[in-house]
Amino acid sequence: MLDYSYMDIYLPRGTSREIARQMLTEHAQHGSWEIDRLRLYPDGSRRIRLRRKVIRAVRTM
């Protein structure tokens, strides 16, 4: 069974698309995060939920 850890990010209105893209790219490249859900509100703000797999170490002895 896969386990995920989640991180919620809120971007206020006025945040440009380019800044949002750069920030999400950094999280994806350096933290192995992927977008689980992105919500764009009518006022222009965004709420993003990122997820990544939790890898559990299994004892081999």
PDB file of N, CA and C in Angstrom:
ATOM      1  N   MET A   1       0.835  -1.177   0.000  1.00  0.00           N
ATOM      2  CA  MET A   1       0.000   0.000   0.000  1.00  0.00           C
ATOM      3  C   MET A   1       0.886   1.248   0.000  1.00  0.00           C
ATOM      4  N   LEU A   2       0.551   2.209  -0.841  1.00  0.00           N
ATOM      5  CA  LEU A   2       1.328   3.431  -0.933  1.00  0.00           C
ATOM      6  C   LEU A   2       0.883   4.440   0.109  1.00  0.00           C
ATOM      7  N   ASP A   3       1.863   5.050   0.735  1.00  0.00           N
ATOM      8  CA  ASP A   3       1.595   6.151   1.662  1.00  0.00           C
ATOM      9  C   ASP A   3       2.146   7.421   1.044  1.00  0.00           C
ATOM     10  N   TYR A   4       1.450   8.515   1.253  1.00  0.00           N
ATOM     11  CA  TYR A   4       1.875   9.804   0.732  1.00  0.00           C
ATOM     12  C   TYR A   4       1.954  10.813   1.868  1.00  0.00           C
ATOM     13  N   SER A   5       2.875  11.744   1.738  1.00  0.00           N
ATOM     14  CA  SER A   5       2.870  12.912   2.616  1.00  0.00           C
ATOM     15  C   SER A   5       2.398  14.081   1.765  1.00  0.00           C
ATOM     16  N   TYR A   6       1.720  15.017   2.395  1.00  0.00           N
ATOM     17  CA  TYR A   6       1.106  16.133   1.683  1.00  0.00           C
ATOM     18  C   TYR A   6       1.633  17.460   2.189  1.00  0.00           C
ATOM     19  N   MET A   7       1.651  18.436   1.303  1.00  0.00           N
ATOM     20  CA  MET A   7       2.019  19.798   1.665  1.00  0.00           C
ATOM     21  C   MET A   7       1.040  20.732   0.964  1.00  0.00           C
ATOM     22  N   ASP A   8       0.440  21.628   1.729  1.00  0.00           N
ATOM     23  CA  ASP A   8      -0.488  22.604   1.166  1.00  0.00           C
ATOM     24  C   ASP A   8       0.222  23.939   1.009  1.00  0.00           C
ATOM     25  N   ILE A   9       0.011  24.569  -0.139  1.00  0.00           N
ATOM     26  CA  ILE A   9       0.606  25.868  -0.447  1.00  0.00           C
ATOM     27  C   ILE A   9      -0.515  26.818  -0.838  1.00  0.00           C
ATOM     28  N   TYR A  10      -0.459  28.016  -0.318  1.00  0.00           N
ATOM     29  CA  TYR A  10      -1.428  29.046  -0.682  1.00  0.00           C
ATOM     30  C   TYR A  10      -0.674  30.173  -1.379  1.00  0.00           C
ATOM     31  N   LEU A  11      -1.117  30.544  -2.570  1.00  0.00           N
ATOM     32  CA  LEU A  11      -0.532  31.669  -3.298  1.00  0.00           C
ATOM     33  C   LEU A  11      -1.581  32.771  -3.387  1.00  0.00           C
ATOM     34  N   PRO A  12      -1.286  33.949  -2.857  1.00  0.00           N
ATOM     35  CA  PRO A  12      -2.269  35.031  -2.879  1.00  0.00           C
ATOM     36  C   PRO A  12      -2.479  35.565  -4.288  1.00  0.00           C
ATOM     37  N   ARG A  13      -3.580  36.266  -4.479  1.00  0.00           N
ATOM     38  CA  ARG A  13      -3.834  36.851  -5.788  1.00  0.00           C
ATOM     39  C   ARG A  13      -2.734  37.849  -6.091  1.00  0.00           C
ATOM     40  N   GLY A  14      -2.469  38.010  -7.345  1.00  0.00           N
ATOM     41  CA  GLY A  14      -1.378  38.889  -7.749  1.00  0.00           C
ATOM     42  C   GLY A  14      -0.077  38.138  -7.974  1.00  0.00           C
ATOM     43  N   THR A  15      -0.011  36.885  -7.531  1.00  0.00           N
ATOM     44  CA  THR A  15       1.168  36.066  -7.795  1.00  0.00           C
ATOM     45  C   THR A  15       1.123  35.670  -9.270  1.00  0.00           C
ATOM     46  N   SER A  16       2.182  35.990  -9.979  1.00  0.00           N
ATOM     47  CA  SER A  16       2.177  35.724 -11.415  1.00  0.00           C
ATOM     48  C   SER A  16       2.268  34.221 -11.698  1.00  0.00           C
ATOM     49  N   ARG A  17       1.830  33.867 -12.873  1.00  0.00           N
ATOM     50  CA  ARG A  17       1.918  32.472 -13.302  1.00  0.00           C
ATOM     51  C   ARG A  17       3.359  31.991 -13.332  1.00  0.00           C
ATOM     52  N   GLU A  18       4.248  32.851 -13.761  1.00  0.00           N
ATOM     53  CA  GLU A  18       5.666  32.512 -13.868  1.00  0.00           C
ATOM     54  C   GLU A  18       6.259  32.198 -12.489  1.00  0.00           C
ATOM     55  N   ILE A  19       5.950  33.018 -11.493  1.00  0.00           N
ATOM     56  CA  ILE A  19       6.444  32.783 -10.128  1.00  0.00           C
ATOM     57  C   ILE A  19       5.879  31.465  -9.586  1.00  0.00           C
ATOM     58  N   ALA A  20       4.592  31.231  -9.811  1.00  0.00           N
ATOM     59  CA  ALA A  20       3.969  29.980  -9.356  1.00  0.00           C
ATOM     60  C   ALA A  20       4.629  28.784 -10.033  1.00  0.00           C
ATOM     61  N   ARG A  21       4.874  28.882 -11.324  1.00  0.00           N
ATOM     62  CA  ARG A  21       5.515  27.790 -12.062  1.00  0.00           C
ATOM     63  C   ARG A  21       6.913  27.509 -11.531  1.00  0.00           C
ATOM     64  N   GLN A  22       7.685  28.576 -11.299  1.00  0.00           N
ATOM     65  CA  GLN A  22       9.049  28.403 -10.785  1.00  0.00           C
ATOM     66  C   GLN A  22       9.045  27.733  -9.417  1.00  0.00           C
ATOM     67  N   MET A  23       8.135  28.161  -8.548  1.00  0.00           N
ATOM     68  CA  MET A  23       8.073  27.598  -7.213  1.00  0.00           C
ATOM     69  C   MET A  23       7.701  26.112  -7.253  1.00  0.00           C
ATOM     70  N   LEU A  24       6.709  25.765  -8.058  1.00  0.00           N
ATOM     71  CA  LEU A  24       6.301  24.365  -8.152  1.00  0.00           C
ATOM     72  C   LEU A  24       7.373  23.503  -8.808  1.00  0.00           C
ATOM     73  N   THR A  25       8.103  24.066  -9.764  1.00  0.00           N
ATOM     74  CA  THR A  25       9.203  23.345 -10.395  1.00  0.00           C
ATOM     75  C   THR A  25      10.305  23.044  -9.386  1.00  0.00           C
ATOM     76  N   GLU A  26      10.620  24.010  -8.533  1.00  0.00           N
ATOM     77  CA  GLU A  26      11.639  23.795  -7.488  1.00  0.00           C
ATOM     78  C   GLU A  26      11.219  22.674  -6.534  1.00  0.00           C
ATOM     79  N   HIS A  27       9.970  22.686  -6.117  1.00  0.00           N
ATOM     80  CA  HIS A  27       9.485  21.626  -5.220  1.00  0.00           C
ATOM     81  C   HIS A  27       9.548  20.267  -5.909  1.00  0.00           C
ATOM     82  N   ALA A  28       9.224  20.213  -7.186  1.00  0.00           N
ATOM     83  CA  ALA A  28       9.226  18.947  -7.910  1.00  0.00           C
ATOM     84  C   ALA A  28      10.645  18.416  -8.099  1.00  0.00           C
ATOM     85  N   GLN A  29      11.570  19.283  -8.467  1.00  0.00           N
ATOM     86  CA  GLN A  29      12.929  18.839  -8.757  1.00  0.00           C
ATOM     87  C   GLN A  29      13.712  18.495  -7.502  1.00  0.00           C
ATOM     88  N   HIS A  30      13.569  19.292  -6.452  1.00  0.00           N
ATOM     89  CA  HIS A  30      14.421  19.112  -5.278  1.00  0.00           C
ATOM     90  C   HIS A  30      13.756  18.371  -4.130  1.00  0.00           C
ATOM     91  N   GLY A  31      12.447  18.245  -4.171  1.00  0.00           N
ATOM     92  CA  GLY A  31      11.769  17.562  -3.080  1.00  0.00           C
ATOM     93  C   GLY A  31      10.936  16.377  -3.510  1.00  0.00           C
ATOM     94  N   SER A  32      10.935  16.079  -4.798  1.00  0.00           N
ATOM     95  CA  SER A  32      10.158  14.968  -5.361  1.00  0.00           C
ATOM     96  C   SER A  32       8.657  15.122  -5.127  1.00  0.00           C
ATOM     97  N   TRP A  33       8.176  16.348  -5.103  1.00  0.00           N
ATOM     98  CA  TRP A  33       6.746  16.604  -4.936  1.00  0.00           C
ATOM     99  C   TRP A  33       6.062  16.596  -6.289  1.00  0.00           C
ATOM    100  N   GLU A  34       4.797  16.199  -6.303  1.00  0.00           N
ATOM    101  CA  GLU A  34       3.974  16.265  -7.511  1.00  0.00           C
ATOM    102  C   GLU A  34       2.639  16.895  -7.125  1.00  0.00           C
ATOM    103  N   ILE A  35       1.974  17.505  -8.088  1.00  0.00           N
ATOM    104  CA  ILE A  35       0.704  18.169  -7.813  1.00  0.00           C
ATOM    105  C   ILE A  35      -0.389  17.120  -7.634  1.00  0.00           C
ATOM    106  N   ASP A  36      -1.059  17.197  -6.507  1.00  0.00           N
ATOM    107  CA  ASP A  36      -2.202  16.330  -6.245  1.00  0.00           C
ATOM    108  C   ASP A  36      -3.489  17.073  -6.597  1.00  0.00           C
ATOM    109  N   ARG A  37      -3.559  18.335  -6.244  1.00  0.00           N
ATOM    110  CA  ARG A  37      -4.759  19.136  -6.510  1.00  0.00           C
ATOM    111  C   ARG A  37      -4.371  20.604  -6.581  1.00  0.00           C
ATOM    112  N   LEU A  38      -4.941  21.297  -7.541  1.00  0.00           N
ATOM    113  CA  LEU A  38      -4.718  22.734  -7.681  1.00  0.00           C
ATOM    114  C   LEU A  38      -6.076  23.390  -7.837  1.00  0.00           C
ATOM    115  N   ARG A  39      -6.314  24.403  -7.032  1.00  0.00           N
ATOM    116  CA  ARG A  39      -7.595  25.097  -7.095  1.00  0.00           C
ATOM    117  C   ARG A  39      -7.341  26.572  -7.317  1.00  0.00           C
ATOM    118  N   LEU A  40      -7.947  27.123  -8.348  1.00  0.00           N
ATOM    119  CA  LEU A  40      -7.851  28.539  -8.669  1.00  0.00           C
ATOM    120  C   LEU A  40      -9.169  29.186  -8.279  1.00  0.00           C
ATOM    121  N   TYR A  41      -9.112  30.153  -7.375  1.00  0.00           N
ATOM    122  CA  TYR A  41     -10.304  30.826  -6.885  1.00  0.00           C
ATOM    123  C   TYR A  41     -10.646  32.033  -7.744  1.00  0.00           C
ATOM    124  N   PRO A  42     -11.915  32.470  -7.718  1.00  0.00           N
ATOM    125  CA  PRO A  42     -12.342  33.610  -8.553  1.00  0.00           C
ATOM    126  C   PRO A  42     -11.570  34.904  -8.292  1.00  0.00           C
ATOM    127  N   ASP A  43     -11.047  35.075  -7.083  1.00  0.00           N
ATOM    128  CA  ASP A  43     -10.290  36.299  -6.791  1.00  0.00           C
ATOM    129  C   ASP A  43      -8.852  36.237  -7.293  1.00  0.00           C
ATOM    130  N   GLY A  44      -8.436  35.094  -7.864  1.00  0.00           N
ATOM    131  CA  GLY A  44      -7.098  34.958  -8.426  1.00  0.00           C
ATOM    132  C   GLY A  44      -6.115  34.227  -7.537  1.00  0.00           C
ATOM    133  N   SER A  45      -6.509  33.906  -6.310  1.00  0.00           N
ATOM    134  CA  SER A  45      -5.604  33.170  -5.422  1.00  0.00           C
ATOM    135  C   SER A  45      -5.627  31.690  -5.805  1.00  0.00           C
ATOM    136  N   ARG A  46      -4.574  30.975  -5.389  1.00  0.00           N
ATOM    137  CA  ARG A  46      -4.458  29.554  -5.701  1.00  0.00           C
ATOM    138  C   ARG A  46      -4.178  28.771  -4.428  1.00  0.00           C
ATOM    139  N   ARG A  47      -4.760  27.602  -4.327  1.00  0.00           N
ATOM    140  CA  ARG A  47      -4.439  26.671  -3.251  1.00  0.00           C
ATOM    141  C   ARG A  47      -3.969  25.387  -3.916  1.00  0.00           C
ATOM    142  N   ILE A  48      -2.762  24.965  -3.565  1.00  0.00           N
ATOM    143  CA  ILE A  48      -2.133  23.822  -4.222  1.00  0.00           C
ATOM    144  C   ILE A  48      -1.823  22.774  -3.164  1.00  0.00           C
ATOM    145  N   ARG A  49      -2.160  21.528  -3.458  1.00  0.00           N
ATOM    146  CA  ARG A  49      -1.788  20.421  -2.588  1.00  0.00           C
ATOM    147  C   ARG A  49      -0.788  19.569  -3.346  1.00  0.00           C
ATOM    148  N   LEU A  50       0.397  19.421  -2.761  1.00  0.00           N
ATOM    149  CA  LEU A  50       1.455  18.595  -3.334  1.00  0.00           C
ATOM    150  C   LEU A  50       1.538  17.298  -2.539  1.00  0.00           C
ATOM    151  N   ARG A  51       1.996  16.254  -3.196  1.00  0.00           N
ATOM    152  CA  ARG A  51       2.176  14.983  -2.509  1.00  0.00           C
ATOM    153  C   ARG A  51       3.469  14.333  -2.965  1.00  0.00           C
ATOM    154  N   ARG A  52       3.985  13.461  -2.110  1.00  0.00           N
ATOM    155  CA  ARG A  52       5.125  12.624  -2.483  1.00  0.00           C
ATOM    156  C   ARG A  52       5.024  11.314  -1.732  1.00  0.00           C
ATOM    157  N   LYS A  53       5.586  10.294  -2.341  1.00  0.00           N
ATOM    158  CA  LYS A  53       5.529   8.963  -1.751  1.00  0.00           C
ATOM    159  C   LYS A  53       6.410   8.899  -0.511  1.00  0.00           C
ATOM    160  N   VAL A  54       5.909   8.203   0.497  1.00  0.00           N
ATOM    161  CA  VAL A  54       6.691   7.938   1.684  1.00  0.00           C
ATOM    162  C   VAL A  54       7.297   6.570   1.502  1.00  0.00           C
ATOM    163  N   ILE A  55       8.608   6.499   1.542  1.00  0.00           N
ATOM    164  CA  ILE A  55       9.302   5.231   1.360  1.00  0.00           C
ATOM    165  C   ILE A  55       9.719   4.714   2.741  1.00  0.00           C
ATOM    166  N   ARG A  56       9.183   3.603   3.102  1.00  0.00           N
ATOM    167  CA  ARG A  56       9.478   3.014   4.406  1.00  0.00           C
ATOM    168  C   ARG A  56      10.624   2.007   4.227  1.00  0.00           C
ATOM    169  N   ALA A  57      11.592   2.102   5.109  1.00  0.00           N
ATOM    170  CA  ALA A  57      12.706   1.163   5.084  1.00  0.00           C
ATOM    171  C   ALA A  57      12.250  -0.170   5.688  1.00  0.00           C
ATOM    172  N   VAL A  58      12.584  -1.240   5.016  1.00  0.00           N
ATOM    173  CA  VAL A  58      12.222  -2.581   5.496  1.00  0.00           C
ATOM    174  C   VAL A  58      13.505  -3.282   5.922  1.00  0.00           C
ATOM    175  N   ARG A  59      13.473  -3.811   7.104  1.00  0.00           N
ATOM    176  CA  ARG A  59      14.644  -4.512   7.629  1.00  0.00           C
ATOM    177  C   ARG A  59      14.847  -5.802   6.850  1.00  0.00           C
ATOM    178  N   THR A  60      16.091  -6.068   6.449  1.00  0.00           N
ATOM    179  CA  THR A  60      16.366  -7.246   5.619  1.00  0.00           C
ATOM    180  C   THR A  60      16.922  -8.418   6.406  1.00  0.00           C
ATOM    181  N   MET A  61      17.176  -8.266   7.663  1.00  0.00           N
ATOM    182  CA  MET A  61      17.728  -9.372   8.460  1.00  0.00           C
ATOM    183  C   MET A  61      16.669 -10.096   9.204  1.00  0.00           C
TER     184      MET A  61
END
